[in-house]
Amino acid sequence: MGLFLFLDPQQIKQSYLRMLVIVFPLTYVYDIFWIVQNHAKFYEDKTEGGMAQVILLLVWTLMFFKLTLFLVMWKASLNFPKFVK
């Protein structure tokens, strides 16, 4: 959905942006579930020179940026007419 909005911005509608904003919390829940399931296993993995710990760090960083992106997109969906002009 995000790629569609990015590639064809002239066709953007407020409902498309709202659907994308609604999907973000669902992906956030999936990410939290993944972290709960794999955190201990990845944290204690000493193979590959610590690559598993780097993956965990990147997942946590992505969670922060995903939350920030969600807030920005939610604000844009509320002020949609002002952003489209």
N, C-alpha and C. Protein backbone atom coordinates (compact mmCIF):
# COMPACT_ATOMS: atom_id res chain seq x y z
N MET A 1 0.83 -1.18 0.00
CA MET A 1 0.00 0.00 0.00
C MET A 1 0.88 1.25 0.00
N GLY A 2 1.92 1.23 0.82
CA GLY A 2 2.83 2.36 0.88
C GLY A 2 3.53 2.60 -0.44
N LEU A 3 3.92 1.53 -1.10
CA LEU A 3 4.57 1.65 -2.40
C LEU A 3 3.60 2.22 -3.43
N PHE A 4 2.36 1.81 -3.39
CA PHE A 4 1.33 2.36 -4.28
C PHE A 4 1.20 3.87 -4.09
N LEU A 5 1.15 4.31 -2.84
CA LEU A 5 1.03 5.74 -2.56
C LEU A 5 2.27 6.50 -3.00
N PHE A 6 3.42 5.86 -2.87
CA PHE A 6 4.67 6.51 -3.26
C PHE A 6 4.80 6.62 -4.77
N LEU A 7 4.40 5.58 -5.50
CA LEU A 7 4.58 5.56 -6.95
C LEU A 7 3.53 6.36 -7.70
N ASP A 8 2.35 6.53 -7.12
CA ASP A 8 1.28 7.24 -7.80
C ASP A 8 0.62 8.24 -6.85
N PRO A 9 1.34 9.30 -6.49
CA PRO A 9 0.80 10.22 -5.48
C PRO A 9 -0.41 11.02 -5.96
N GLN A 10 -0.63 11.12 -7.29
CA GLN A 10 -1.80 11.85 -7.78
C GLN A 10 -3.10 11.12 -7.47
N GLN A 11 -3.04 9.82 -7.26
CA GLN A 11 -4.23 9.03 -6.99
C GLN A 11 -4.50 8.85 -5.50
N ILE A 12 -3.70 9.49 -4.68
CA ILE A 12 -3.83 9.29 -3.24
C ILE A 12 -5.17 9.84 -2.74
N LYS A 13 -5.78 9.07 -1.88
CA LYS A 13 -7.03 9.48 -1.24
C LYS A 13 -6.84 9.33 0.26
N GLN A 14 -7.64 10.04 1.02
CA GLN A 14 -7.52 9.99 2.47
C GLN A 14 -7.78 8.58 2.99
N SER A 15 -8.68 7.85 2.35
CA SER A 15 -8.98 6.49 2.81
C SER A 15 -7.78 5.56 2.64
N TYR A 16 -6.99 5.75 1.57
CA TYR A 16 -5.80 4.93 1.38
C TYR A 16 -4.79 5.17 2.49
N LEU A 17 -4.61 6.43 2.82
CA LEU A 17 -3.66 6.77 3.87
C LEU A 17 -4.14 6.24 5.22
N ARG A 18 -5.43 6.31 5.46
CA ARG A 18 -5.98 5.79 6.71
C ARG A 18 -5.80 4.27 6.80
N MET A 19 -6.00 3.56 5.69
CA MET A 19 -5.80 2.10 5.70
C MET A 19 -4.35 1.77 6.03
N LEU A 20 -3.43 2.52 5.47
CA LEU A 20 -2.02 2.29 5.75
C LEU A 20 -1.71 2.56 7.22
N VAL A 21 -2.32 3.58 7.78
CA VAL A 21 -2.13 3.90 9.20
C VAL A 21 -2.71 2.79 10.08
N ILE A 22 -3.83 2.21 9.68
CA ILE A 22 -4.45 1.14 10.45
C ILE A 22 -3.59 -0.12 10.45
N VAL A 23 -2.88 -0.38 9.37
CA VAL A 23 -2.06 -1.58 9.25
C VAL A 23 -0.81 -1.51 10.15
N PHE A 24 -0.31 -0.33 10.40
CA PHE A 24 0.92 -0.18 11.20
C PHE A 24 0.83 -0.84 12.57
N PRO A 25 -0.24 -0.63 13.35
CA PRO A 25 -0.29 -1.30 14.66
C PRO A 25 -0.30 -2.83 14.53
N LEU A 26 -0.89 -3.35 13.46
CA LEU A 26 -0.88 -4.80 13.26
C LEU A 26 0.53 -5.31 13.05
N THR A 27 1.31 -4.60 12.27
CA THR A 27 2.69 -5.03 12.05
C THR A 27 3.51 -4.85 13.33
N TYR A 28 3.16 -3.86 14.11
CA TYR A 28 3.85 -3.63 15.38
C TYR A 28 3.61 -4.80 16.33
N VAL A 29 2.38 -5.28 16.38
CA VAL A 29 2.05 -6.44 17.21
C VAL A 29 2.84 -7.66 16.74
N TYR A 30 2.94 -7.86 15.44
CA TYR A 30 3.70 -8.98 14.90
C TYR A 30 5.18 -8.86 15.29
N ASP A 31 5.73 -7.65 15.21
CA ASP A 31 7.13 -7.45 15.59
C ASP A 31 7.36 -7.76 17.07
N ILE A 32 6.45 -7.33 17.91
CA ILE A 32 6.57 -7.61 19.35
C ILE A 32 6.51 -9.11 19.60
N PHE A 33 5.60 -9.80 18.92
CA PHE A 33 5.51 -11.25 19.04
C PHE A 33 6.82 -11.90 18.62
N TRP A 34 7.41 -11.44 17.53
CA TRP A 34 8.68 -12.00 17.05
C TRP A 34 9.78 -11.77 18.08
N ILE A 35 9.84 -10.58 18.64
CA ILE A 35 10.87 -10.28 19.64
C ILE A 35 10.71 -11.16 20.87
N VAL A 36 9.49 -11.33 21.34
CA VAL A 36 9.24 -12.17 22.51
C VAL A 36 9.69 -13.61 22.23
N GLN A 37 9.40 -14.09 21.04
CA GLN A 37 9.75 -15.47 20.69
C GLN A 37 11.25 -15.68 20.50
N ASN A 38 11.96 -14.68 19.98
CA ASN A 38 13.35 -14.90 19.54
C ASN A 38 14.40 -14.13 20.31
N HIS A 39 14.01 -13.27 21.24
CA HIS A 39 15.00 -12.42 21.91
C HIS A 39 16.06 -13.23 22.65
N ALA A 40 15.65 -14.15 23.47
CA ALA A 40 16.62 -14.93 24.26
C ALA A 40 17.53 -15.75 23.35
N LYS A 41 16.95 -16.36 22.34
CA LYS A 41 17.74 -17.19 21.43
C LYS A 41 18.77 -16.35 20.67
N PHE A 42 18.38 -15.19 20.17
CA PHE A 42 19.30 -14.35 19.41
C PHE A 42 20.33 -13.68 20.33
N TYR A 43 19.91 -13.31 21.54
CA TYR A 43 20.82 -12.63 22.46
C TYR A 43 21.96 -13.53 22.90
N GLU A 44 21.68 -14.81 23.07
CA GLU A 44 22.70 -15.74 23.55
C GLU A 44 23.48 -16.41 22.42
N ASP A 45 23.12 -16.19 21.18
CA ASP A 45 23.79 -16.81 20.03
C ASP A 45 25.14 -16.13 19.81
N LYS A 46 26.23 -16.91 19.89
CA LYS A 46 27.57 -16.36 19.73
C LYS A 46 28.19 -16.72 18.38
N THR A 47 27.44 -17.33 17.50
CA THR A 47 27.97 -17.68 16.18
C THR A 47 27.93 -16.47 15.25
N GLU A 48 28.58 -16.58 14.15
CA GLU A 48 28.63 -15.55 13.11
C GLU A 48 29.16 -14.21 13.63
N GLY A 49 29.97 -14.23 14.65
CA GLY A 49 30.61 -13.01 15.14
C GLY A 49 29.64 -12.01 15.75
N GLY A 50 28.56 -12.46 16.32
CA GLY A 50 27.61 -11.55 16.97
C GLY A 50 26.56 -10.98 16.04
N MET A 51 26.36 -11.59 14.88
CA MET A 51 25.38 -11.08 13.92
C MET A 51 23.97 -11.13 14.49
N ALA A 52 23.66 -12.13 15.31
CA ALA A 52 22.32 -12.22 15.90
C ALA A 52 22.04 -11.02 16.80
N GLN A 53 23.04 -10.55 17.53
CA GLN A 53 22.85 -9.38 18.38
C GLN A 53 22.65 -8.12 17.53
N VAL A 54 23.33 -8.05 16.40
CA VAL A 54 23.14 -6.92 15.49
C VAL A 54 21.71 -6.92 14.95
N ILE A 55 21.19 -8.10 14.62
CA ILE A 55 19.81 -8.21 14.15
C ILE A 55 18.84 -7.73 15.22
N LEU A 56 19.06 -8.12 16.46
CA LEU A 56 18.20 -7.65 17.55
C LEU A 56 18.26 -6.14 17.69
N LEU A 57 19.44 -5.58 17.61
CA LEU A 57 19.59 -4.13 17.70
C LEU A 57 18.83 -3.44 16.56
N LEU A 58 18.94 -3.98 15.37
CA LEU A 58 18.23 -3.40 14.23
C LEU A 58 16.71 -3.53 14.36
N VAL A 59 16.25 -4.63 14.89
CA VAL A 59 14.80 -4.80 15.10
C VAL A 59 14.29 -3.79 16.10
N TRP A 60 15.00 -3.58 17.20
CA TRP A 60 14.59 -2.58 18.18
C TRP A 60 14.62 -1.18 17.59
N THR A 61 15.64 -0.88 16.79
CA THR A 61 15.72 0.42 16.12
C THR A 61 14.57 0.60 15.14
N LEU A 62 14.25 -0.44 14.41
CA LEU A 62 13.13 -0.40 13.48
C LEU A 62 11.81 -0.16 14.21
N MET A 63 11.67 -0.75 15.38
CA MET A 63 10.45 -0.53 16.17
C MET A 63 10.29 0.96 16.52
N PHE A 64 11.39 1.60 16.89
CA PHE A 64 11.33 3.03 17.21
C PHE A 64 10.95 3.85 15.97
N PHE A 65 11.60 3.57 14.84
CA PHE A 65 11.31 4.33 13.63
C PHE A 65 9.91 4.03 13.10
N LYS A 66 9.44 2.81 13.28
CA LYS A 66 8.09 2.47 12.84
C LYS A 66 7.05 3.23 13.66
N LEU A 67 7.30 3.39 14.94
CA LEU A 67 6.39 4.16 15.79
C LEU A 67 6.38 5.63 15.35
N THR A 68 7.56 6.17 15.07
CA THR A 68 7.66 7.55 14.60
C THR A 68 6.93 7.73 13.27
N LEU A 69 7.14 6.81 12.35
CA LEU A 69 6.46 6.87 11.05
C LEU A 69 4.95 6.76 11.21
N PHE A 70 4.50 5.91 12.11
CA PHE A 70 3.07 5.78 12.37
C PHE A 70 2.49 7.11 12.84
N LEU A 71 3.16 7.77 13.78
CA LEU A 71 2.66 9.04 14.30
C LEU A 71 2.62 10.11 13.21
N VAL A 72 3.63 10.16 12.37
CA VAL A 72 3.66 11.14 11.28
C VAL A 72 2.55 10.86 10.27
N MET A 73 2.36 9.61 9.92
CA MET A 73 1.32 9.27 8.94
C MET A 73 -0.07 9.47 9.53
N TRP A 74 -0.23 9.20 10.81
CA TRP A 74 -1.52 9.45 11.46
C TRP A 74 -1.85 10.94 11.43
N LYS A 75 -0.86 11.77 11.73
CA LYS A 75 -1.06 13.22 11.68
C LYS A 75 -1.36 13.68 10.25
N ALA A 76 -0.68 13.10 9.28
CA ALA A 76 -0.94 13.45 7.87
C ALA A 76 -2.33 13.02 7.45
N SER A 77 -2.80 11.90 7.95
CA SER A 77 -4.15 11.45 7.58
C SER A 77 -5.22 12.35 8.20
N LEU A 78 -4.93 12.94 9.35
CA LEU A 78 -5.89 13.87 9.97
C LEU A 78 -5.94 15.20 9.22
N ASN A 79 -4.79 15.66 8.76
CA ASN A 79 -4.69 16.93 8.04
C ASN A 79 -4.53 16.71 6.54
N PHE A 80 -5.19 15.72 6.01
CA PHE A 80 -5.00 15.31 4.62
C PHE A 80 -5.20 16.44 3.61
N PRO A 81 -6.29 17.20 3.66
CA PRO A 81 -6.48 18.26 2.65
C PRO A 81 -5.36 19.28 2.63
N LYS A 82 -4.79 19.58 3.80
CA LYS A 82 -3.72 20.55 3.87
C LYS A 82 -2.43 20.01 3.24
N PHE A 83 -2.18 18.70 3.37
CA PHE A 83 -0.97 18.10 2.83
C PHE A 83 -1.04 17.86 1.33
N VAL A 84 -2.23 17.73 0.79
CA VAL A 84 -2.38 17.42 -0.63
C VAL A 84 -2.21 18.66 -1.49
N LYS A 85 -2.53 19.81 -0.97
CA LYS A 85 -2.46 21.05 -1.76
C LYS A 85 -1.11 21.30 -2.34
